[in-house]
Amino acid sequence: MGPIGTRSLGDLGPTRWFEVVGDDGQAVPRAAFQHLDPPAAAAALRDTVAFVWRVMDAFSEEDERILGHAADPYHRIDVRRTSRHLVVRDDGRVVAETHAPLVLYESGFAPRWYVPREDVDADAIRLVEGQTFSPSRVEVVIDGERLEEAPGQSLIAHGPDRNLSVDEVGGIQLVEPAAPAA
């Protein structure tokens, strides 16, 4: 992908256009663009490149080809297969390592990673009823980068489905309804 010129796109300021070269060597001009100095309201676009999807041969997320359009980030529950290298360590001990994890993308939550059972050291884990652990308890590394805890990864056990007492839930008071007026 190489730059092929700059021009303005309305209120977003100067825009650099790129040609995209596919695996087959075919170059598609003006198939990607970057806003060079977006206004404060569009600061999230700084240092990003956008692709003109209608000129692309295919769209993939992780290792799966997506048909139609990209998932709506505000309304989605998608599980994708990936070949990323995922390692889970507990106090330095590798308890899981795989090149075939599944990743769950769900609106409002950070991605959640699942490891095939055959890639887990069965001697390093034990069955625990009704509990999930976040990255604050173990070290999770994906493609050499440590996964830091993000919103949506800390799960708080709550509610009747967890068999908790009112005291365990905390902060909740049960009040008898008032008797109807006579």
N, C-alpha and C. Protein backbone atom coordinates (compact mmCIF):
# COMPACT_ATOMS: atom_id res chain seq x y z
N MET A 1 0.86 -1.16 0.00
CA MET A 1 0.00 0.00 0.00
C MET A 1 0.90 1.22 0.00
N GLY A 2 0.71 2.12 -0.95
CA GLY A 2 1.54 3.31 -1.02
C GLY A 2 0.69 4.55 -1.26
N PRO A 3 1.15 5.73 -0.76
CA PRO A 3 0.38 6.96 -0.93
C PRO A 3 0.35 7.37 -2.40
N ILE A 4 -0.78 7.90 -2.85
CA ILE A 4 -0.90 8.36 -4.24
C ILE A 4 -1.42 9.78 -4.34
N GLY A 5 -1.53 10.49 -3.23
CA GLY A 5 -1.97 11.88 -3.31
C GLY A 5 -2.73 12.31 -2.08
N THR A 6 -2.93 13.63 -2.00
CA THR A 6 -3.64 14.21 -0.87
C THR A 6 -4.70 15.17 -1.39
N ARG A 7 -5.85 15.17 -0.75
CA ARG A 7 -6.89 16.17 -1.03
C ARG A 7 -7.79 16.24 0.18
N SER A 8 -8.65 17.21 0.25
CA SER A 8 -9.51 17.41 1.41
C SER A 8 -10.82 16.66 1.24
N LEU A 9 -11.32 16.12 2.35
CA LEU A 9 -12.63 15.47 2.37
C LEU A 9 -13.52 16.27 3.31
N GLY A 10 -14.04 17.37 2.87
CA GLY A 10 -14.96 18.17 3.67
C GLY A 10 -14.37 18.62 5.00
N ASP A 11 -15.16 18.45 6.07
CA ASP A 11 -14.79 18.93 7.40
C ASP A 11 -13.69 18.11 8.06
N LEU A 12 -13.28 17.01 7.48
CA LEU A 12 -12.26 16.17 8.10
C LEU A 12 -10.84 16.57 7.72
N GLY A 13 -10.71 17.60 6.91
CA GLY A 13 -9.40 18.14 6.59
C GLY A 13 -8.67 17.36 5.52
N PRO A 14 -7.35 17.61 5.41
CA PRO A 14 -6.58 16.95 4.35
C PRO A 14 -6.57 15.43 4.52
N THR A 15 -6.70 14.76 3.39
CA THR A 15 -6.80 13.31 3.38
C THR A 15 -5.78 12.73 2.42
N ARG A 16 -5.01 11.75 2.86
CA ARG A 16 -4.04 11.07 2.01
C ARG A 16 -4.69 9.80 1.47
N TRP A 17 -4.58 9.60 0.16
CA TRP A 17 -5.16 8.43 -0.49
C TRP A 17 -4.06 7.43 -0.80
N PHE A 18 -4.40 6.14 -0.79
CA PHE A 18 -3.44 5.08 -1.04
C PHE A 18 -3.97 4.12 -2.10
N GLU A 19 -3.05 3.50 -2.81
CA GLU A 19 -3.43 2.36 -3.64
C GLU A 19 -3.16 1.11 -2.81
N VAL A 20 -3.97 0.09 -3.00
CA VAL A 20 -3.83 -1.16 -2.27
C VAL A 20 -3.45 -2.24 -3.28
N VAL A 21 -2.41 -3.01 -2.94
CA VAL A 21 -1.93 -4.07 -3.81
C VAL A 21 -2.32 -5.40 -3.18
N GLY A 22 -3.05 -6.22 -3.93
CA GLY A 22 -3.51 -7.52 -3.44
C GLY A 22 -2.44 -8.59 -3.56
N ASP A 23 -2.76 -9.76 -3.04
CA ASP A 23 -1.84 -10.89 -3.11
C ASP A 23 -1.46 -11.25 -4.54
N ASP A 24 -2.36 -10.95 -5.48
CA ASP A 24 -2.10 -11.27 -6.89
C ASP A 24 -1.27 -10.20 -7.59
N GLY A 25 -0.88 -9.14 -6.86
CA GLY A 25 -0.07 -8.07 -7.44
C GLY A 25 -0.88 -6.96 -8.09
N GLN A 26 -2.19 -7.13 -8.15
CA GLN A 26 -3.05 -6.13 -8.77
C GLN A 26 -3.19 -4.92 -7.84
N ALA A 27 -2.93 -3.71 -8.39
CA ALA A 27 -3.03 -2.48 -7.60
C ALA A 27 -4.38 -1.82 -7.85
N VAL A 28 -5.03 -1.38 -6.78
CA VAL A 28 -6.31 -0.67 -6.89
C VAL A 28 -6.08 0.75 -6.36
N PRO A 29 -6.12 1.77 -7.24
CA PRO A 29 -5.88 3.14 -6.79
C PRO A 29 -7.03 3.65 -5.93
N ARG A 30 -6.71 4.55 -5.00
CA ARG A 30 -7.69 5.21 -4.14
C ARG A 30 -8.57 4.19 -3.40
N ALA A 31 -7.96 3.12 -2.91
CA ALA A 31 -8.71 2.08 -2.21
C ALA A 31 -8.61 2.20 -0.70
N ALA A 32 -7.78 3.14 -0.21
CA ALA A 32 -7.66 3.38 1.23
C ALA A 32 -7.32 4.85 1.42
N PHE A 33 -7.67 5.38 2.60
CA PHE A 33 -7.38 6.79 2.87
C PHE A 33 -7.12 7.01 4.36
N GLN A 34 -6.46 8.15 4.64
CA GLN A 34 -6.11 8.50 6.01
C GLN A 34 -6.34 10.01 6.18
N HIS A 35 -7.05 10.38 7.25
CA HIS A 35 -7.25 11.79 7.57
C HIS A 35 -6.01 12.27 8.31
N LEU A 36 -5.31 13.25 7.73
CA LEU A 36 -4.02 13.67 8.26
C LEU A 36 -4.12 14.55 9.50
N ASP A 37 -5.13 15.40 9.56
CA ASP A 37 -5.28 16.30 10.70
C ASP A 37 -6.76 16.50 11.01
N PRO A 38 -7.42 15.43 11.52
CA PRO A 38 -8.86 15.54 11.77
C PRO A 38 -9.15 16.52 12.90
N PRO A 39 -10.34 17.14 12.88
CA PRO A 39 -10.71 18.04 13.97
C PRO A 39 -10.88 17.27 15.28
N ALA A 40 -10.94 17.99 16.38
CA ALA A 40 -11.03 17.36 17.70
C ALA A 40 -12.19 16.37 17.79
N ALA A 41 -13.32 16.68 17.16
CA ALA A 41 -14.49 15.80 17.22
C ALA A 41 -14.23 14.46 16.54
N ALA A 42 -13.23 14.39 15.68
CA ALA A 42 -12.91 13.15 14.97
C ALA A 42 -11.51 12.67 15.32
N ALA A 43 -11.02 13.02 16.51
CA ALA A 43 -9.66 12.67 16.92
C ALA A 43 -9.40 11.16 16.88
N ALA A 44 -10.43 10.35 17.05
CA ALA A 44 -10.26 8.89 17.03
C ALA A 44 -9.77 8.40 15.65
N LEU A 45 -9.94 9.22 14.63
CA LEU A 45 -9.51 8.84 13.28
C LEU A 45 -8.03 9.09 13.03
N ARG A 46 -7.40 9.87 13.92
CA ARG A 46 -5.97 10.18 13.75
C ARG A 46 -5.17 8.87 13.78
N ASP A 47 -4.20 8.77 12.90
CA ASP A 47 -3.30 7.61 12.82
C ASP A 47 -4.01 6.31 12.46
N THR A 48 -5.15 6.41 11.78
CA THR A 48 -5.84 5.21 11.29
C THR A 48 -5.96 5.29 9.77
N VAL A 49 -6.16 4.16 9.16
CA VAL A 49 -6.38 4.07 7.71
C VAL A 49 -7.72 3.41 7.49
N ALA A 50 -8.53 3.98 6.59
CA ALA A 50 -9.83 3.40 6.26
C ALA A 50 -9.76 2.82 4.85
N PHE A 51 -10.48 1.71 4.65
CA PHE A 51 -10.49 1.06 3.35
C PHE A 51 -11.83 1.31 2.67
N VAL A 52 -11.81 1.46 1.37
CA VAL A 52 -13.03 1.61 0.57
C VAL A 52 -13.51 0.19 0.27
N TRP A 53 -14.44 -0.31 1.08
CA TRP A 53 -14.81 -1.72 1.04
C TRP A 53 -15.37 -2.17 -0.30
N ARG A 54 -16.06 -1.29 -1.01
CA ARG A 54 -16.67 -1.73 -2.27
C ARG A 54 -15.65 -2.13 -3.33
N VAL A 55 -14.37 -1.72 -3.17
CA VAL A 55 -13.35 -2.11 -4.14
C VAL A 55 -12.49 -3.28 -3.66
N MET A 56 -12.76 -3.80 -2.46
CA MET A 56 -11.99 -4.92 -1.92
C MET A 56 -12.58 -6.24 -2.41
N ASP A 57 -11.71 -7.24 -2.57
CA ASP A 57 -12.16 -8.57 -2.97
C ASP A 57 -12.89 -9.29 -1.85
N ALA A 58 -12.43 -9.07 -0.61
CA ALA A 58 -13.00 -9.79 0.53
C ALA A 58 -12.70 -9.02 1.81
N PHE A 59 -13.48 -9.35 2.83
CA PHE A 59 -13.28 -8.78 4.17
C PHE A 59 -13.15 -9.95 5.12
N SER A 60 -12.11 -9.93 5.96
CA SER A 60 -11.90 -11.00 6.93
C SER A 60 -11.79 -10.41 8.32
N GLU A 61 -12.27 -11.17 9.29
CA GLU A 61 -12.07 -10.84 10.69
C GLU A 61 -11.44 -12.08 11.32
N GLU A 62 -10.28 -11.87 11.98
CA GLU A 62 -9.46 -12.98 12.44
C GLU A 62 -9.16 -13.85 11.21
N ASP A 63 -9.46 -15.15 11.25
CA ASP A 63 -9.16 -16.01 10.11
C ASP A 63 -10.38 -16.35 9.26
N GLU A 64 -11.50 -15.67 9.48
CA GLU A 64 -12.73 -16.01 8.77
C GLU A 64 -13.14 -14.92 7.80
N ARG A 65 -13.52 -15.34 6.59
CA ARG A 65 -14.04 -14.40 5.60
C ARG A 65 -15.45 -14.00 6.01
N ILE A 66 -15.71 -12.71 5.96
CA ILE A 66 -17.02 -12.18 6.32
C ILE A 66 -17.77 -11.86 5.04
N LEU A 67 -18.96 -12.41 4.91
CA LEU A 67 -19.79 -12.13 3.75
C LEU A 67 -20.77 -11.01 4.10
N GLY A 68 -21.05 -10.17 3.15
CA GLY A 68 -21.98 -9.07 3.40
C GLY A 68 -21.23 -7.84 3.85
N HIS A 69 -21.26 -7.56 5.14
CA HIS A 69 -20.62 -6.36 5.66
C HIS A 69 -20.00 -6.66 7.02
N ALA A 70 -19.18 -5.73 7.48
CA ALA A 70 -18.56 -5.89 8.80
C ALA A 70 -19.64 -5.88 9.87
N ALA A 71 -19.37 -6.54 10.97
CA ALA A 71 -20.33 -6.60 12.07
C ALA A 71 -20.53 -5.22 12.67
N ASP A 72 -21.75 -4.94 13.08
CA ASP A 72 -22.09 -3.68 13.74
C ASP A 72 -21.49 -3.72 15.14
N PRO A 73 -20.55 -2.83 15.47
CA PRO A 73 -19.91 -2.89 16.79
C PRO A 73 -20.87 -2.60 17.94
N TYR A 74 -22.06 -2.08 17.65
CA TYR A 74 -23.02 -1.75 18.71
C TYR A 74 -24.05 -2.85 18.94
N HIS A 75 -24.12 -3.82 18.05
CA HIS A 75 -25.10 -4.91 18.17
C HIS A 75 -24.48 -6.19 17.61
N ARG A 76 -23.66 -6.82 18.41
CA ARG A 76 -23.04 -8.03 17.87
C ARG A 76 -22.73 -9.04 18.95
N ILE A 77 -22.80 -10.29 18.54
CA ILE A 77 -22.28 -11.42 19.28
C ILE A 77 -21.73 -12.36 18.22
N ASP A 78 -20.42 -12.36 18.08
CA ASP A 78 -19.76 -13.15 17.05
C ASP A 78 -18.61 -13.94 17.65
N VAL A 79 -18.49 -15.20 17.26
CA VAL A 79 -17.36 -16.03 17.64
C VAL A 79 -16.56 -16.28 16.38
N ARG A 80 -15.25 -16.01 16.45
CA ARG A 80 -14.38 -16.17 15.29
C ARG A 80 -13.24 -17.13 15.62
N ARG A 81 -12.89 -17.95 14.64
CA ARG A 81 -11.70 -18.79 14.74
C ARG A 81 -10.51 -17.93 14.36
N THR A 82 -9.37 -18.18 15.01
CA THR A 82 -8.17 -17.42 14.70
C THR A 82 -6.95 -18.30 14.88
N SER A 83 -5.87 -17.93 14.23
CA SER A 83 -4.62 -18.68 14.37
C SER A 83 -3.63 -17.91 15.24
N ARG A 84 -4.12 -16.96 16.00
CA ARG A 84 -3.23 -16.21 16.90
C ARG A 84 -2.62 -17.14 17.94
N HIS A 85 -1.44 -16.76 18.40
CA HIS A 85 -0.74 -17.55 19.42
C HIS A 85 -1.15 -17.01 20.79
N LEU A 86 -1.87 -17.81 21.55
CA LEU A 86 -2.37 -17.42 22.87
C LEU A 86 -1.72 -18.29 23.93
N VAL A 87 -1.16 -17.65 24.97
CA VAL A 87 -0.53 -18.35 26.08
C VAL A 87 -1.14 -17.83 27.37
N VAL A 88 -1.49 -18.76 28.27
CA VAL A 88 -2.01 -18.40 29.59
C VAL A 88 -1.03 -18.94 30.62
N ARG A 89 -0.58 -18.04 31.51
CA ARG A 89 0.36 -18.44 32.56
C ARG A 89 -0.24 -18.10 33.93
N ASP A 90 -0.02 -18.99 34.87
CA ASP A 90 -0.40 -18.76 36.26
C ASP A 90 0.87 -18.81 37.09
N ASP A 91 1.27 -17.66 37.60
CA ASP A 91 2.49 -17.56 38.39
C ASP A 91 3.69 -18.11 37.62
N GLY A 92 3.77 -17.78 36.33
CA GLY A 92 4.89 -18.20 35.49
C GLY A 92 4.72 -19.55 34.83
N ARG A 93 3.80 -20.38 35.30
CA ARG A 93 3.59 -21.73 34.73
C ARG A 93 2.61 -21.64 33.57
N VAL A 94 2.98 -22.21 32.42
CA VAL A 94 2.08 -22.23 31.27
C VAL A 94 0.97 -23.24 31.55
N VAL A 95 -0.27 -22.75 31.58
CA VAL A 95 -1.41 -23.63 31.82
C VAL A 95 -2.20 -23.88 30.54
N ALA A 96 -1.98 -23.02 29.53
CA ALA A 96 -2.63 -23.22 28.23
C ALA A 96 -1.81 -22.52 27.16
N GLU A 97 -1.71 -23.16 26.00
CA GLU A 97 -1.02 -22.56 24.86
C GLU A 97 -1.65 -23.12 23.60
N THR A 98 -2.02 -22.21 22.69
CA THR A 98 -2.70 -22.65 21.48
C THR A 98 -2.45 -21.69 20.32
N HIS A 99 -2.59 -22.24 19.12
CA HIS A 99 -2.61 -21.45 17.89
C HIS A 99 -3.99 -21.57 17.24
N ALA A 100 -4.98 -21.99 18.03
CA ALA A 100 -6.34 -22.18 17.51
C ALA A 100 -7.40 -21.71 18.51
N PRO A 101 -7.22 -20.51 19.10
CA PRO A 101 -8.26 -20.06 20.04
C PRO A 101 -9.50 -19.59 19.30
N LEU A 102 -10.57 -19.48 20.04
CA LEU A 102 -11.78 -18.82 19.56
C LEU A 102 -11.86 -17.49 20.28
N VAL A 103 -12.36 -16.46 19.61
CA VAL A 103 -12.53 -15.17 20.25
C VAL A 103 -14.00 -14.76 20.12
N LEU A 104 -14.57 -14.34 21.23
CA LEU A 104 -15.96 -13.90 21.28
C LEU A 104 -15.99 -12.39 21.31
N TYR A 105 -16.62 -11.80 20.29
CA TYR A 105 -16.84 -10.36 20.24
C TYR A 105 -18.29 -10.11 20.58
N GLU A 106 -18.53 -9.32 21.62
CA GLU A 106 -19.89 -9.01 22.05
C GLU A 106 -19.97 -7.53 22.37
N SER A 107 -21.00 -6.88 21.88
CA SER A 107 -21.16 -5.44 22.11
C SER A 107 -21.03 -5.10 23.58
N GLY A 108 -20.25 -4.09 23.88
CA GLY A 108 -20.11 -3.60 25.24
C GLY A 108 -19.09 -4.35 26.09
N PHE A 109 -18.45 -5.37 25.53
CA PHE A 109 -17.48 -6.15 26.29
C PHE A 109 -16.18 -6.26 25.51
N ALA A 110 -15.08 -6.38 26.24
CA ALA A 110 -13.79 -6.64 25.60
C ALA A 110 -13.85 -8.05 25.00
N PRO A 111 -13.05 -8.32 23.96
CA PRO A 111 -13.03 -9.68 23.41
C PRO A 111 -12.69 -10.71 24.48
N ARG A 112 -13.34 -11.86 24.41
CA ARG A 112 -13.06 -12.96 25.34
C ARG A 112 -12.49 -14.12 24.56
N TRP A 113 -11.46 -14.74 25.11
CA TRP A 113 -10.70 -15.76 24.41
C TRP A 113 -10.97 -17.13 25.01
N TYR A 114 -11.14 -18.13 24.13
CA TYR A 114 -11.41 -19.51 24.55
C TYR A 114 -10.35 -20.42 23.95
N VAL A 115 -9.87 -21.35 24.77
CA VAL A 115 -8.78 -22.25 24.40
C VAL A 115 -9.35 -23.66 24.24
N PRO A 116 -8.99 -24.35 23.14
CA PRO A 116 -9.44 -25.74 22.99
C PRO A 116 -8.94 -26.58 24.18
N ARG A 117 -9.78 -27.48 24.65
CA ARG A 117 -9.46 -28.30 25.82
C ARG A 117 -8.14 -29.05 25.65
N GLU A 118 -7.84 -29.52 24.43
CA GLU A 118 -6.60 -30.28 24.23
C GLU A 118 -5.34 -29.41 24.35
N ASP A 119 -5.49 -28.08 24.35
CA ASP A 119 -4.35 -27.18 24.49
C ASP A 119 -4.20 -26.64 25.91
N VAL A 120 -4.89 -27.25 26.86
CA VAL A 120 -4.83 -26.86 28.26
C VAL A 120 -4.11 -27.95 29.04
N ASP A 121 -3.20 -27.55 29.93
CA ASP A 121 -2.51 -28.51 30.81
C ASP A 121 -3.49 -28.92 31.90
N ALA A 122 -4.06 -30.09 31.77
CA ALA A 122 -5.10 -30.56 32.70
C ALA A 122 -4.58 -30.66 34.13
N ASP A 123 -3.29 -30.89 34.31
CA ASP A 123 -2.73 -30.97 35.66
C ASP A 123 -2.62 -29.61 36.34
N ALA A 124 -2.73 -28.54 35.56
CA ALA A 124 -2.56 -27.20 36.10
C ALA A 124 -3.87 -26.54 36.49
N ILE A 125 -4.98 -27.19 36.20
CA ILE A 125 -6.27 -26.58 36.50
C ILE A 125 -7.13 -27.52 37.33
N ARG A 126 -8.14 -26.93 37.96
CA ARG A 126 -9.10 -27.75 38.69
C ARG A 126 -10.48 -27.16 38.46
N LEU A 127 -11.47 -28.00 38.49
CA LEU A 127 -12.85 -27.59 38.26
C LEU A 127 -13.34 -26.75 39.42
N VAL A 128 -13.93 -25.60 39.11
CA VAL A 128 -14.52 -24.71 40.10
C VAL A 128 -15.92 -24.39 39.62
N GLU A 129 -16.90 -24.62 40.44
CA GLU A 129 -18.30 -24.38 40.06
C GLU A 129 -18.63 -22.90 40.04
N GLY A 130 -19.24 -22.44 38.94
CA GLY A 130 -19.84 -21.12 38.89
C GLY A 130 -18.93 -19.93 39.00
N GLN A 131 -17.67 -20.02 38.59
CA GLN A 131 -16.79 -18.86 38.67
C GLN A 131 -16.03 -18.67 37.37
N THR A 132 -15.80 -17.40 37.02
CA THR A 132 -15.00 -17.03 35.86
C THR A 132 -13.90 -16.11 36.35
N PHE A 133 -12.71 -16.21 35.79
CA PHE A 133 -11.60 -15.38 36.23
C PHE A 133 -11.18 -14.44 35.12
N SER A 134 -10.81 -13.21 35.48
CA SER A 134 -10.37 -12.20 34.51
C SER A 134 -8.86 -12.22 34.38
N PRO A 135 -8.27 -11.41 33.43
CA PRO A 135 -6.82 -11.36 33.26
C PRO A 135 -6.07 -10.85 34.48
N SER A 136 -6.77 -10.36 35.49
CA SER A 136 -6.07 -9.91 36.70
C SER A 136 -5.59 -11.11 37.52
N ARG A 137 -6.09 -12.32 37.26
CA ARG A 137 -5.70 -13.51 38.01
C ARG A 137 -4.61 -14.33 37.33
N VAL A 138 -4.55 -14.26 36.01
CA VAL A 138 -3.54 -15.00 35.25
C VAL A 138 -2.96 -14.06 34.20
N GLU A 139 -1.82 -14.45 33.64
CA GLU A 139 -1.21 -13.68 32.56
C GLU A 139 -1.67 -14.28 31.24
N VAL A 140 -2.24 -13.45 30.38
CA VAL A 140 -2.69 -13.88 29.05
C VAL A 140 -1.88 -13.10 28.02
N VAL A 141 -1.21 -13.83 27.12
CA VAL A 141 -0.38 -13.21 26.09
C VAL A 141 -0.91 -13.64 24.73
N ILE A 142 -1.17 -12.66 23.87
CA ILE A 142 -1.67 -12.93 22.53
C ILE A 142 -0.68 -12.37 21.53
N ASP A 143 -0.11 -13.24 20.70
CA ASP A 143 0.90 -12.85 19.72
C ASP A 143 2.02 -12.03 20.34
N GLY A 144 2.47 -12.44 21.52
CA GLY A 144 3.59 -11.79 22.17
C GLY A 144 3.26 -10.56 23.00
N GLU A 145 2.00 -10.12 22.99
CA GLU A 145 1.59 -8.95 23.76
C GLU A 145 0.69 -9.36 24.91
N ARG A 146 1.03 -8.88 26.11
CA ARG A 146 0.24 -9.20 27.29
C ARG A 146 -1.12 -8.52 27.20
N LEU A 147 -2.16 -9.30 27.46
CA LEU A 147 -3.51 -8.77 27.47
C LEU A 147 -3.73 -8.05 28.79
N GLU A 148 -4.03 -6.78 28.73
CA GLU A 148 -4.31 -6.01 29.93
C GLU A 148 -5.81 -6.02 30.18
N GLU A 149 -6.17 -6.00 31.44
CA GLU A 149 -7.58 -6.01 31.79
C GLU A 149 -8.25 -4.77 31.21
N ALA A 150 -9.40 -4.97 30.60
CA ALA A 150 -10.15 -3.88 29.96
C ALA A 150 -11.60 -3.96 30.41
N PRO A 151 -12.33 -2.87 30.24
CA PRO A 151 -13.76 -2.93 30.59
C PRO A 151 -14.42 -4.09 29.87
N GLY A 152 -15.21 -4.84 30.60
CA GLY A 152 -15.89 -5.98 30.01
C GLY A 152 -15.20 -7.30 30.27
N GLN A 153 -13.99 -7.26 30.85
CA GLN A 153 -13.30 -8.51 31.16
C GLN A 153 -13.41 -8.89 32.62
N SER A 154 -13.70 -7.93 33.48
CA SER A 154 -13.89 -8.23 34.89
C SER A 154 -15.33 -8.65 35.09
N LEU A 155 -15.52 -9.88 35.49
CA LEU A 155 -16.87 -10.38 35.70
C LEU A 155 -17.15 -10.45 37.18
N ILE A 156 -18.27 -9.89 37.57
CA ILE A 156 -18.67 -9.88 38.97
C ILE A 156 -19.82 -10.86 39.12
N ALA A 157 -19.61 -11.85 39.95
CA ALA A 157 -20.67 -12.83 40.18
C ALA A 157 -21.80 -12.14 40.93
N HIS A 158 -23.00 -12.26 40.41
CA HIS A 158 -24.15 -11.66 41.07
C HIS A 158 -25.43 -12.37 40.64
N GLY A 159 -26.46 -12.16 41.40
CA GLY A 159 -27.77 -12.66 41.01
C GLY A 159 -28.06 -14.05 41.50
N PRO A 160 -29.34 -14.44 41.40
CA PRO A 160 -29.78 -15.73 41.90
C PRO A 160 -29.17 -16.91 41.16
N ASP A 161 -28.74 -16.68 39.91
CA ASP A 161 -28.15 -17.79 39.16
C ASP A 161 -26.78 -18.19 39.71
N ARG A 162 -26.21 -17.40 40.60
CA ARG A 162 -24.92 -17.72 41.20
C ARG A 162 -25.10 -18.30 42.60
N ASN A 163 -26.35 -18.51 43.03
CA ASN A 163 -26.67 -19.06 44.35
C ASN A 163 -26.06 -18.23 45.48
N LEU A 164 -26.11 -16.91 45.34
CA LEU A 164 -25.58 -16.04 46.38
C LEU A 164 -26.69 -15.61 47.32
N SER A 165 -26.31 -15.42 48.58
CA SER A 165 -27.27 -14.90 49.54
C SER A 165 -27.35 -13.39 49.38
N VAL A 166 -28.33 -12.77 50.02
CA VAL A 166 -28.48 -11.32 49.96
C VAL A 166 -27.23 -10.65 50.53
N ASP A 167 -26.67 -11.21 51.61
CA ASP A 167 -25.47 -10.64 52.20
C ASP A 167 -24.28 -10.69 51.24
N GLU A 168 -24.17 -11.76 50.46
CA GLU A 168 -23.05 -11.89 49.52
C GLU A 168 -23.16 -10.90 48.38
N VAL A 169 -24.38 -10.62 47.93
CA VAL A 169 -24.58 -9.67 46.85
C VAL A 169 -24.21 -8.27 47.33
N GLY A 170 -24.57 -7.93 48.54
CA GLY A 170 -24.20 -6.66 49.15
C GLY A 170 -24.93 -5.47 48.53
N GLY A 171 -25.20 -4.49 49.36
CA GLY A 171 -25.79 -3.26 48.88
C GLY A 171 -27.25 -3.34 48.50
N ILE A 172 -27.87 -4.49 48.67
CA ILE A 172 -29.28 -4.64 48.30
C ILE A 172 -30.09 -4.83 49.57
N GLN A 173 -31.17 -4.09 49.66
CA GLN A 173 -32.05 -4.22 50.81
C GLN A 173 -33.40 -4.73 50.33
N LEU A 174 -33.92 -5.72 51.03
CA LEU A 174 -35.24 -6.22 50.71
C LEU A 174 -36.25 -5.53 51.62
N VAL A 175 -37.28 -4.98 51.03
CA VAL A 175 -38.28 -4.23 51.81
C VAL A 175 -39.64 -4.85 51.52
N GLU A 176 -40.38 -5.12 52.60
CA GLU A 176 -41.74 -5.64 52.45
C GLU A 176 -42.60 -4.57 51.81
N PRO A 177 -43.45 -4.93 50.86
CA PRO A 177 -44.33 -3.91 50.27
C PRO A 177 -45.30 -3.38 51.32
N ALA A 178 -45.63 -2.12 51.17
CA ALA A 178 -46.57 -1.49 52.10
C ALA A 178 -47.96 -2.10 51.91
N ALA A 179 -48.68 -2.21 53.04
CA ALA A 179 -50.05 -2.72 52.97
C ALA A 179 -50.93 -1.70 52.26
N PRO A 180 -51.87 -2.18 51.45
CA PRO A 180 -52.74 -1.23 50.73
C PRO A 180 -53.56 -0.41 51.73
N ALA A 181 -53.80 0.85 51.36
CA ALA A 181 -54.59 1.74 52.21
C ALA A 181 -56.01 1.25 52.27
N ALA A 182 -56.62 1.35 53.48
CA ALA A 182 -58.00 0.87 53.66
C ALA A 182 -58.98 1.90 53.23
